[in-house]
């Protein structure tokens, strides 16, 4: 007599295979989710920096962005003599941001590290400032850094621990 159905061993093997596949999918989802959070934060910061630059140009007022490890503050200044400015926007960040230097990354100090756009929308930061959103995940393929130069701002990815390659 030929019985229909599955044996207990066959059912256990199938359940084990499904459990392994679910475990792998969960690990990949966590990695993907972190990468997406870093990309989203990088793009939002880029948009805010570009908006500050455009605002300075359109309003003919200086605009400063002050960076801290987990926040940045955008201030608008009414006159050339104005040193306090008006806080336009304060953003608290989920992921830490760091300044990229030739020797790696360093934490931001919100009291001293800023980008200021003049009435022409240009900065006076010298060469450029590179901002990285942590964790770096170098080579992961996602946008995770911003390069702010005198007249241009680009989004990019960290090619190594010391270089943001704009796209």
N, C-alpha and C. Protein backbone atom coordinates (compact mmCIF):
# COMPACT_ATOMS: atom_id res chain seq x y z
N UNK A 1 0.83 -1.17 0.00
CA UNK A 1 0.00 0.00 0.00
C UNK A 1 0.89 1.25 0.00
N UNK A 2 0.55 2.21 -0.88
CA UNK A 2 1.33 3.42 -1.04
C UNK A 2 0.64 4.56 -0.28
N UNK A 3 1.34 5.14 0.73
CA UNK A 3 0.75 6.21 1.54
C UNK A 3 1.06 7.57 0.94
N UNK A 4 0.11 8.48 1.02
CA UNK A 4 0.30 9.85 0.54
C UNK A 4 0.69 10.73 1.72
N UNK A 5 1.49 11.81 1.40
CA UNK A 5 1.87 12.74 2.44
C UNK A 5 3.38 12.78 2.61
N UNK A 6 3.81 13.53 3.62
CA UNK A 6 5.23 13.72 3.88
C UNK A 6 5.58 13.08 5.20
N UNK A 7 6.81 12.63 5.26
CA UNK A 7 7.27 12.06 6.53
C UNK A 7 7.69 13.19 7.47
N UNK A 8 7.85 12.90 8.71
CA UNK A 8 8.26 13.89 9.72
C UNK A 8 9.64 14.45 9.38
N UNK A 9 10.54 13.63 8.92
CA UNK A 9 11.90 14.07 8.55
C UNK A 9 11.82 15.09 7.42
N UNK A 10 11.03 14.82 6.40
CA UNK A 10 10.90 15.75 5.27
C UNK A 10 10.35 17.10 5.73
N UNK A 11 9.36 17.09 6.59
CA UNK A 11 8.79 18.33 7.11
C UNK A 11 9.82 19.12 7.93
N UNK A 12 10.60 18.45 8.76
CA UNK A 12 11.63 19.12 9.56
C UNK A 12 12.71 19.74 8.67
N UNK A 13 13.09 19.06 7.62
CA UNK A 13 14.10 19.60 6.70
C UNK A 13 13.57 20.86 6.02
N UNK A 14 12.35 20.85 5.57
CA UNK A 14 11.75 22.02 4.92
C UNK A 14 11.65 23.19 5.90
N UNK A 15 11.23 22.94 7.12
CA UNK A 15 11.13 24.00 8.13
C UNK A 15 12.50 24.57 8.44
N UNK A 16 13.52 23.73 8.53
CA UNK A 16 14.89 24.20 8.78
C UNK A 16 15.38 25.08 7.64
N UNK A 17 15.12 24.69 6.42
CA UNK A 17 15.53 25.50 5.26
C UNK A 17 14.83 26.85 5.25
N UNK A 18 13.56 26.88 5.56
CA UNK A 18 12.81 28.14 5.63
C UNK A 18 13.38 29.03 6.74
N UNK A 19 13.72 28.47 7.88
CA UNK A 19 14.29 29.24 8.99
C UNK A 19 15.64 29.85 8.59
N UNK A 20 16.47 29.09 7.89
CA UNK A 20 17.77 29.60 7.44
C UNK A 20 17.58 30.75 6.46
N UNK A 21 16.68 30.59 5.51
CA UNK A 21 16.42 31.66 4.54
C UNK A 21 15.88 32.92 5.21
N UNK A 22 15.02 32.77 6.18
CA UNK A 22 14.51 33.93 6.92
C UNK A 22 15.61 34.63 7.70
N UNK A 23 16.50 33.88 8.30
CA UNK A 23 17.62 34.47 9.04
C UNK A 23 18.51 35.28 8.11
N UNK A 24 18.81 34.77 6.95
CA UNK A 24 19.64 35.49 5.98
C UNK A 24 18.93 36.75 5.50
N UNK A 25 17.65 36.65 5.22
CA UNK A 25 16.88 37.81 4.76
C UNK A 25 16.84 38.90 5.82
N UNK A 26 16.71 38.52 7.08
CA UNK A 26 16.67 39.49 8.17
C UNK A 26 17.99 40.23 8.29
N UNK A 27 19.10 39.54 8.17
CA UNK A 27 20.43 40.17 8.24
C UNK A 27 20.58 41.15 7.10
N UNK A 28 20.23 40.76 5.89
CA UNK A 28 20.33 41.65 4.74
C UNK A 28 19.42 42.86 4.89
N UNK A 29 18.25 42.68 5.44
CA UNK A 29 17.33 43.80 5.63
C UNK A 29 17.91 44.82 6.59
N UNK A 30 18.54 44.37 7.68
CA UNK A 30 19.15 45.29 8.64
C UNK A 30 20.26 46.12 8.00
N UNK A 31 21.10 45.50 7.20
CA UNK A 31 22.17 46.21 6.50
C UNK A 31 21.59 47.21 5.52
N UNK A 32 20.60 46.77 4.76
CA UNK A 32 19.96 47.65 3.78
C UNK A 32 19.30 48.84 4.48
N UNK A 33 18.65 48.59 5.60
CA UNK A 33 17.97 49.65 6.33
C UNK A 33 18.96 50.71 6.83
N UNK A 34 20.10 50.29 7.39
CA UNK A 34 21.12 51.24 7.86
C UNK A 34 21.67 52.05 6.69
N UNK A 35 21.94 51.39 5.58
CA UNK A 35 22.46 52.09 4.39
C UNK A 35 21.45 53.13 3.92
N UNK A 36 20.17 52.78 3.91
CA UNK A 36 19.13 53.71 3.48
C UNK A 36 19.06 54.91 4.43
N UNK A 37 19.16 54.69 5.74
CA UNK A 37 19.13 55.80 6.71
C UNK A 37 20.28 56.78 6.47
N UNK A 38 21.48 56.24 6.21
CA UNK A 38 22.64 57.10 5.95
C UNK A 38 22.42 57.89 4.66
N UNK A 39 21.95 57.23 3.61
CA UNK A 39 21.69 57.93 2.34
C UNK A 39 20.63 59.00 2.51
N UNK A 40 19.56 58.69 3.22
CA UNK A 40 18.48 59.66 3.42
C UNK A 40 18.98 60.88 4.17
N UNK A 41 19.74 60.66 5.24
CA UNK A 41 20.27 61.78 6.01
C UNK A 41 21.23 62.61 5.17
N UNK A 42 22.07 61.97 4.38
CA UNK A 42 23.01 62.69 3.53
C UNK A 42 22.26 63.56 2.53
N UNK A 43 21.23 63.02 1.91
CA UNK A 43 20.46 63.78 0.92
C UNK A 43 19.70 64.95 1.57
N UNK A 44 19.17 64.74 2.77
CA UNK A 44 18.48 65.83 3.46
C UNK A 44 19.45 66.94 3.84
N UNK A 45 20.64 66.58 4.32
CA UNK A 45 21.65 67.59 4.64
C UNK A 45 22.06 68.35 3.39
N UNK A 46 22.26 67.63 2.30
CA UNK A 46 22.64 68.26 1.03
C UNK A 46 21.56 69.27 0.61
N UNK A 47 20.30 68.89 0.71
CA UNK A 47 19.21 69.79 0.33
C UNK A 47 19.19 71.03 1.22
N UNK A 48 19.41 70.86 2.53
CA UNK A 48 19.44 72.01 3.44
C UNK A 48 20.61 72.94 3.16
N UNK A 49 21.77 72.38 2.85
CA UNK A 49 22.95 73.20 2.51
C UNK A 49 22.68 73.98 1.23
N UNK A 50 22.13 73.31 0.24
CA UNK A 50 21.82 74.00 -1.02
C UNK A 50 20.77 75.08 -0.80
N UNK A 51 19.78 74.82 0.03
CA UNK A 51 18.75 75.82 0.32
C UNK A 51 19.36 77.03 1.03
N UNK A 52 20.29 76.79 1.94
CA UNK A 52 20.95 77.90 2.64
C UNK A 52 21.75 78.74 1.65
N UNK A 53 22.44 78.10 0.72
CA UNK A 53 23.21 78.83 -0.29
C UNK A 53 22.28 79.69 -1.15
N UNK A 54 21.18 79.11 -1.59
CA UNK A 54 20.22 79.83 -2.44
C UNK A 54 19.57 80.97 -1.67
N UNK A 55 19.24 80.73 -0.40
CA UNK A 55 18.64 81.76 0.44
C UNK A 55 19.57 82.96 0.59
N UNK A 56 20.85 82.71 0.80
CA UNK A 56 21.83 83.79 0.92
C UNK A 56 21.87 84.62 -0.36
N UNK A 57 21.85 83.95 -1.46
CA UNK A 57 21.90 84.62 -2.77
C UNK A 57 20.62 85.42 -3.03
N UNK A 58 19.47 84.83 -2.80
CA UNK A 58 18.20 85.50 -3.10
C UNK A 58 17.90 86.66 -2.15
N UNK A 59 18.18 86.47 -0.86
CA UNK A 59 17.86 87.50 0.13
C UNK A 59 18.97 88.53 0.31
N UNK A 60 20.12 88.25 -0.28
CA UNK A 60 21.29 89.12 -0.12
C UNK A 60 21.64 89.27 1.37
N UNK A 61 21.61 88.12 2.08
CA UNK A 61 21.95 88.07 3.50
C UNK A 61 22.90 86.90 3.73
N UNK A 62 23.82 87.08 4.66
CA UNK A 62 24.71 85.97 5.02
C UNK A 62 23.89 84.88 5.69
N UNK A 63 24.28 83.63 5.43
CA UNK A 63 23.65 82.48 6.06
C UNK A 63 24.77 81.56 6.54
N UNK A 64 24.67 81.14 7.79
CA UNK A 64 25.68 80.24 8.36
C UNK A 64 25.06 78.91 8.77
N UNK A 65 25.83 77.84 8.58
CA UNK A 65 25.42 76.51 9.02
C UNK A 65 26.45 76.03 10.02
N UNK A 66 26.04 75.81 11.25
CA UNK A 66 26.93 75.37 12.32
C UNK A 66 26.70 73.88 12.57
N UNK A 67 27.79 73.11 12.53
CA UNK A 67 27.70 71.66 12.62
C UNK A 67 28.14 71.16 13.98
N UNK A 68 27.34 70.26 14.55
CA UNK A 68 27.69 69.51 15.75
C UNK A 68 27.69 68.05 15.40
N UNK A 69 28.08 67.18 16.32
CA UNK A 69 28.13 65.75 16.01
C UNK A 69 26.79 65.15 15.60
N UNK A 70 25.70 65.63 16.21
CA UNK A 70 24.39 65.05 15.89
C UNK A 70 23.33 66.12 15.59
N UNK A 71 23.79 67.29 15.17
CA UNK A 71 22.83 68.32 14.78
C UNK A 71 23.54 69.39 13.96
N UNK A 72 22.73 70.17 13.26
CA UNK A 72 23.25 71.38 12.64
C UNK A 72 22.21 72.47 12.75
N UNK A 73 22.70 73.72 12.80
CA UNK A 73 21.85 74.88 13.00
C UNK A 73 22.11 75.85 11.86
N UNK A 74 21.05 76.34 11.24
CA UNK A 74 21.18 77.32 10.16
C UNK A 74 20.73 78.67 10.70
N UNK A 75 21.61 79.67 10.53
CA UNK A 75 21.34 81.03 11.00
C UNK A 75 21.38 82.01 9.83
N UNK A 76 20.54 83.03 9.89
CA UNK A 76 20.53 84.08 8.89
C UNK A 76 20.93 85.38 9.59
N UNK A 77 21.78 86.16 8.95
CA UNK A 77 22.30 87.41 9.51
C UNK A 77 21.74 88.59 8.73
N UNK A 78 21.20 89.59 9.44
CA UNK A 78 20.57 90.75 8.78
C UNK A 78 21.59 91.73 8.23
N UNK A 79 22.68 91.95 8.95
CA UNK A 79 23.67 92.93 8.52
C UNK A 79 25.06 92.31 8.59
N UNK A 80 26.04 93.02 8.03
CA UNK A 80 27.42 92.55 8.07
C UNK A 80 27.96 92.54 9.50
N UNK A 81 27.42 93.42 10.35
CA UNK A 81 27.88 93.52 11.74
C UNK A 81 27.19 92.51 12.65
N UNK A 82 26.12 91.92 12.20
CA UNK A 82 25.34 90.97 13.01
C UNK A 82 26.19 89.72 13.27
N UNK A 83 26.43 89.40 14.55
CA UNK A 83 27.24 88.23 14.89
C UNK A 83 26.40 87.08 15.47
N UNK A 84 25.19 87.38 15.94
CA UNK A 84 24.34 86.34 16.53
C UNK A 84 23.45 85.67 15.49
N UNK A 85 22.84 86.46 14.66
CA UNK A 85 21.96 85.93 13.62
C UNK A 85 20.67 85.38 14.19
N UNK A 86 19.76 85.08 13.29
CA UNK A 86 18.47 84.51 13.64
C UNK A 86 18.49 83.02 13.28
N UNK A 87 18.13 82.17 14.24
CA UNK A 87 18.09 80.73 13.96
C UNK A 87 16.91 80.46 13.05
N UNK A 88 17.22 79.93 11.88
CA UNK A 88 16.19 79.63 10.89
C UNK A 88 15.75 78.18 10.99
N UNK A 89 16.70 77.29 11.30
CA UNK A 89 16.41 75.86 11.30
C UNK A 89 17.40 75.15 12.21
N UNK A 90 16.91 74.26 13.03
CA UNK A 90 17.76 73.37 13.83
C UNK A 90 17.34 71.94 13.52
N UNK A 91 18.30 71.14 13.10
CA UNK A 91 18.02 69.76 12.72
C UNK A 91 18.80 68.83 13.64
N UNK A 92 18.11 67.94 14.32
CA UNK A 92 18.74 66.88 15.11
C UNK A 92 18.86 65.65 14.23
N UNK A 93 20.03 65.03 14.26
CA UNK A 93 20.34 63.93 13.35
C UNK A 93 20.31 62.58 14.05
N UNK A 94 19.90 61.58 13.31
CA UNK A 94 19.89 60.21 13.82
C UNK A 94 21.31 59.63 13.82
N UNK A 95 22.07 59.91 12.76
CA UNK A 95 23.43 59.41 12.64
C UNK A 95 24.43 60.53 12.87
N UNK A 96 25.55 60.20 13.44
CA UNK A 96 26.60 61.19 13.69
C UNK A 96 27.18 61.68 12.37
N UNK A 97 27.55 62.97 12.33
CA UNK A 97 28.30 63.50 11.19
C UNK A 97 29.69 63.89 11.66
N UNK A 98 30.66 63.75 10.76
CA UNK A 98 32.04 64.07 11.08
C UNK A 98 32.67 64.81 9.92
N UNK A 99 33.66 65.62 10.23
CA UNK A 99 34.42 66.33 9.19
C UNK A 99 35.52 65.41 8.69
N UNK A 100 35.64 65.32 7.37
CA UNK A 100 36.66 64.48 6.76
C UNK A 100 37.93 65.32 6.61
N UNK A 101 39.04 64.78 7.11
CA UNK A 101 40.34 65.45 6.99
C UNK A 101 41.28 64.51 6.26
N UNK A 102 42.48 64.97 5.99
CA UNK A 102 43.46 64.14 5.30
C UNK A 102 43.89 62.92 6.09
N UNK A 103 43.66 62.94 7.40
CA UNK A 103 44.08 61.82 8.24
C UNK A 103 42.91 60.99 8.76
N UNK A 104 41.72 61.22 8.26
CA UNK A 104 40.55 60.46 8.72
C UNK A 104 39.38 61.38 8.94
N UNK A 105 38.61 61.13 10.00
CA UNK A 105 37.47 61.98 10.32
C UNK A 105 37.62 62.51 11.73
N UNK A 106 37.01 63.67 11.98
CA UNK A 106 37.04 64.25 13.32
C UNK A 106 35.65 64.77 13.65
N UNK A 107 35.34 64.78 14.93
CA UNK A 107 34.02 65.24 15.38
C UNK A 107 33.89 66.74 15.16
N UNK A 108 32.68 67.18 14.87
CA UNK A 108 32.39 68.59 14.72
C UNK A 108 32.22 69.24 16.08
N UNK A 109 32.60 70.51 16.18
CA UNK A 109 32.34 71.34 17.35
C UNK A 109 31.38 72.44 16.90
N UNK A 110 30.15 72.41 17.36
CA UNK A 110 29.11 73.31 16.87
C UNK A 110 29.44 74.78 17.13
N UNK A 111 30.31 75.07 18.09
CA UNK A 111 30.66 76.45 18.39
C UNK A 111 31.68 77.03 17.42
N UNK A 112 32.48 76.17 16.81
CA UNK A 112 33.57 76.69 15.99
C UNK A 112 33.54 76.27 14.53
N UNK A 113 32.85 75.20 14.19
CA UNK A 113 32.91 74.71 12.82
C UNK A 113 31.62 75.01 12.08
N UNK A 114 31.75 75.86 11.07
CA UNK A 114 30.58 76.31 10.34
C UNK A 114 30.94 76.58 8.89
N UNK A 115 29.92 76.65 8.08
CA UNK A 115 30.03 77.13 6.71
C UNK A 115 29.21 78.39 6.66
N UNK A 116 29.76 79.45 6.10
CA UNK A 116 29.01 80.69 5.95
C UNK A 116 28.94 81.07 4.48
N UNK A 117 27.72 81.32 4.02
CA UNK A 117 27.51 81.77 2.65
C UNK A 117 27.34 83.29 2.67
N UNK A 118 28.08 83.98 1.80
CA UNK A 118 27.95 85.43 1.75
C UNK A 118 26.75 85.81 0.88
N UNK A 119 26.57 87.09 0.60
CA UNK A 119 25.40 87.57 -0.14
C UNK A 119 25.41 87.11 -1.60
N UNK A 120 26.52 86.56 -2.06
CA UNK A 120 26.60 86.02 -3.42
C UNK A 120 26.42 84.50 -3.44
N UNK A 121 26.22 83.90 -2.25
CA UNK A 121 26.05 82.45 -2.17
C UNK A 121 27.36 81.70 -2.18
N UNK A 122 28.46 82.39 -1.93
CA UNK A 122 29.79 81.77 -1.91
C UNK A 122 30.27 81.59 -0.48
N UNK A 123 31.15 80.64 -0.28
CA UNK A 123 31.72 80.42 1.05
C UNK A 123 33.12 81.00 1.12
N UNK A 124 33.61 81.12 2.32
CA UNK A 124 34.97 81.58 2.54
C UNK A 124 35.76 80.51 3.31
N UNK A 125 35.54 79.24 2.97
CA UNK A 125 36.15 78.16 3.74
C UNK A 125 37.49 77.71 3.17
N UNK A 126 38.04 78.48 2.23
CA UNK A 126 39.31 78.07 1.64
C UNK A 126 39.08 77.04 0.56
N UNK A 127 39.68 75.90 0.72
CA UNK A 127 39.61 74.86 -0.31
C UNK A 127 38.22 74.23 -0.36
N UNK A 128 37.87 73.45 0.66
CA UNK A 128 36.56 72.81 0.72
C UNK A 128 36.37 72.17 2.08
N UNK A 129 35.12 71.84 2.40
CA UNK A 129 34.80 71.09 3.62
C UNK A 129 34.10 69.81 3.19
N UNK A 130 34.56 68.70 3.75
CA UNK A 130 33.94 67.41 3.47
C UNK A 130 33.24 66.91 4.73
N UNK A 131 31.98 66.52 4.58
CA UNK A 131 31.16 66.07 5.70
C UNK A 131 30.76 64.62 5.44
N UNK A 132 31.00 63.74 6.40
CA UNK A 132 30.65 62.33 6.25
C UNK A 132 29.56 61.96 7.26
N UNK A 133 28.61 61.16 6.81
CA UNK A 133 27.56 60.64 7.69
C UNK A 133 28.00 59.26 8.14
N UNK A 134 28.02 59.05 9.45
CA UNK A 134 28.50 57.79 10.02
C UNK A 134 27.34 56.80 10.17
N UNK A 135 27.56 55.51 10.16
CA UNK A 135 28.83 54.83 9.91
C UNK A 135 29.18 54.91 8.43
N UNK A 136 30.48 54.92 8.14
CA UNK A 136 30.94 55.18 6.78
C UNK A 136 30.55 54.10 5.77
N UNK A 137 30.74 52.83 6.10
CA UNK A 137 30.47 51.75 5.14
C UNK A 137 31.14 52.04 3.81
N UNK A 138 32.45 52.29 3.85
CA UNK A 138 33.22 52.62 2.65
C UNK A 138 33.03 51.54 1.60
N UNK A 139 32.74 51.98 0.38
CA UNK A 139 32.58 51.04 -0.72
C UNK A 139 31.21 50.39 -0.79
N UNK A 140 30.25 50.83 0.03
CA UNK A 140 28.93 50.20 0.02
C UNK A 140 28.09 50.66 -1.17
N UNK A 141 28.54 51.68 -1.87
CA UNK A 141 27.83 52.12 -3.05
C UNK A 141 26.80 53.21 -2.81
N UNK A 142 26.54 53.58 -1.58
CA UNK A 142 25.54 54.60 -1.30
C UNK A 142 26.17 55.96 -1.05
N UNK A 143 25.37 57.01 -1.23
CA UNK A 143 25.84 58.36 -0.93
C UNK A 143 25.97 58.52 0.57
N UNK A 144 27.15 58.96 1.04
CA UNK A 144 27.35 59.10 2.47
C UNK A 144 28.24 60.29 2.84
N UNK A 145 28.46 61.21 1.88
CA UNK A 145 29.27 62.38 2.21
C UNK A 145 28.87 63.56 1.32
N UNK A 146 29.27 64.75 1.77
CA UNK A 146 28.98 66.00 1.06
C UNK A 146 30.27 66.80 0.99
N UNK A 147 30.53 67.39 -0.17
CA UNK A 147 31.69 68.26 -0.35
C UNK A 147 31.17 69.67 -0.61
N UNK A 148 31.55 70.61 0.28
CA UNK A 148 31.14 72.00 0.12
C UNK A 148 32.39 72.78 -0.26
N UNK A 149 32.37 73.36 -1.45
CA UNK A 149 33.46 74.20 -1.93
C UNK A 149 32.98 75.64 -2.01
N UNK A 150 33.84 76.54 -2.45
CA UNK A 150 33.51 77.96 -2.47
C UNK A 150 32.21 78.24 -3.22
N UNK A 151 32.07 77.71 -4.42
CA UNK A 151 30.89 78.02 -5.21
C UNK A 151 30.04 76.82 -5.57
N UNK A 152 30.32 75.69 -4.96
CA UNK A 152 29.61 74.47 -5.37
C UNK A 152 29.48 73.50 -4.19
N UNK A 153 28.38 72.74 -4.20
CA UNK A 153 28.17 71.69 -3.20
C UNK A 153 27.82 70.41 -3.94
N UNK A 154 28.52 69.33 -3.61
CA UNK A 154 28.27 68.03 -4.25
C UNK A 154 28.01 66.97 -3.20
N UNK A 155 27.24 65.98 -3.60
CA UNK A 155 27.02 64.81 -2.78
C UNK A 155 27.91 63.70 -3.35
N UNK A 156 28.36 62.79 -2.51
CA UNK A 156 29.24 61.74 -3.02
C UNK A 156 29.30 60.55 -2.09
N UNK A 157 30.34 59.73 -2.32
CA UNK A 157 30.55 58.58 -1.44
C UNK A 157 32.02 58.52 -1.03
N UNK A 158 32.19 57.97 0.14
CA UNK A 158 33.55 57.84 0.67
C UNK A 158 34.25 56.71 -0.08
N UNK A 159 35.36 57.05 -0.76
CA UNK A 159 36.11 56.02 -1.47
C UNK A 159 37.10 55.33 -0.54
N UNK A 160 37.51 56.02 0.52
CA UNK A 160 38.27 55.44 1.61
C UNK A 160 37.98 56.28 2.84
N UNK A 161 38.67 56.05 3.92
CA UNK A 161 38.34 56.72 5.18
C UNK A 161 38.73 58.20 5.19
N UNK A 162 39.42 58.69 4.14
CA UNK A 162 39.88 60.08 4.15
C UNK A 162 39.42 60.89 2.93
N UNK A 163 38.69 60.29 2.01
CA UNK A 163 38.35 60.98 0.77
C UNK A 163 36.89 60.80 0.40
N UNK A 164 36.20 61.92 0.22
CA UNK A 164 34.84 61.91 -0.31
C UNK A 164 34.92 62.18 -1.80
N UNK A 165 34.47 61.24 -2.59
CA UNK A 165 34.50 61.38 -4.05
C UNK A 165 33.14 61.88 -4.52
N UNK A 166 33.06 63.14 -4.96
CA UNK A 166 31.77 63.66 -5.42
C UNK A 166 31.36 63.01 -6.74
N UNK A 167 30.07 62.95 -6.95
CA UNK A 167 29.63 62.41 -8.23
C UNK A 167 29.22 63.49 -9.16
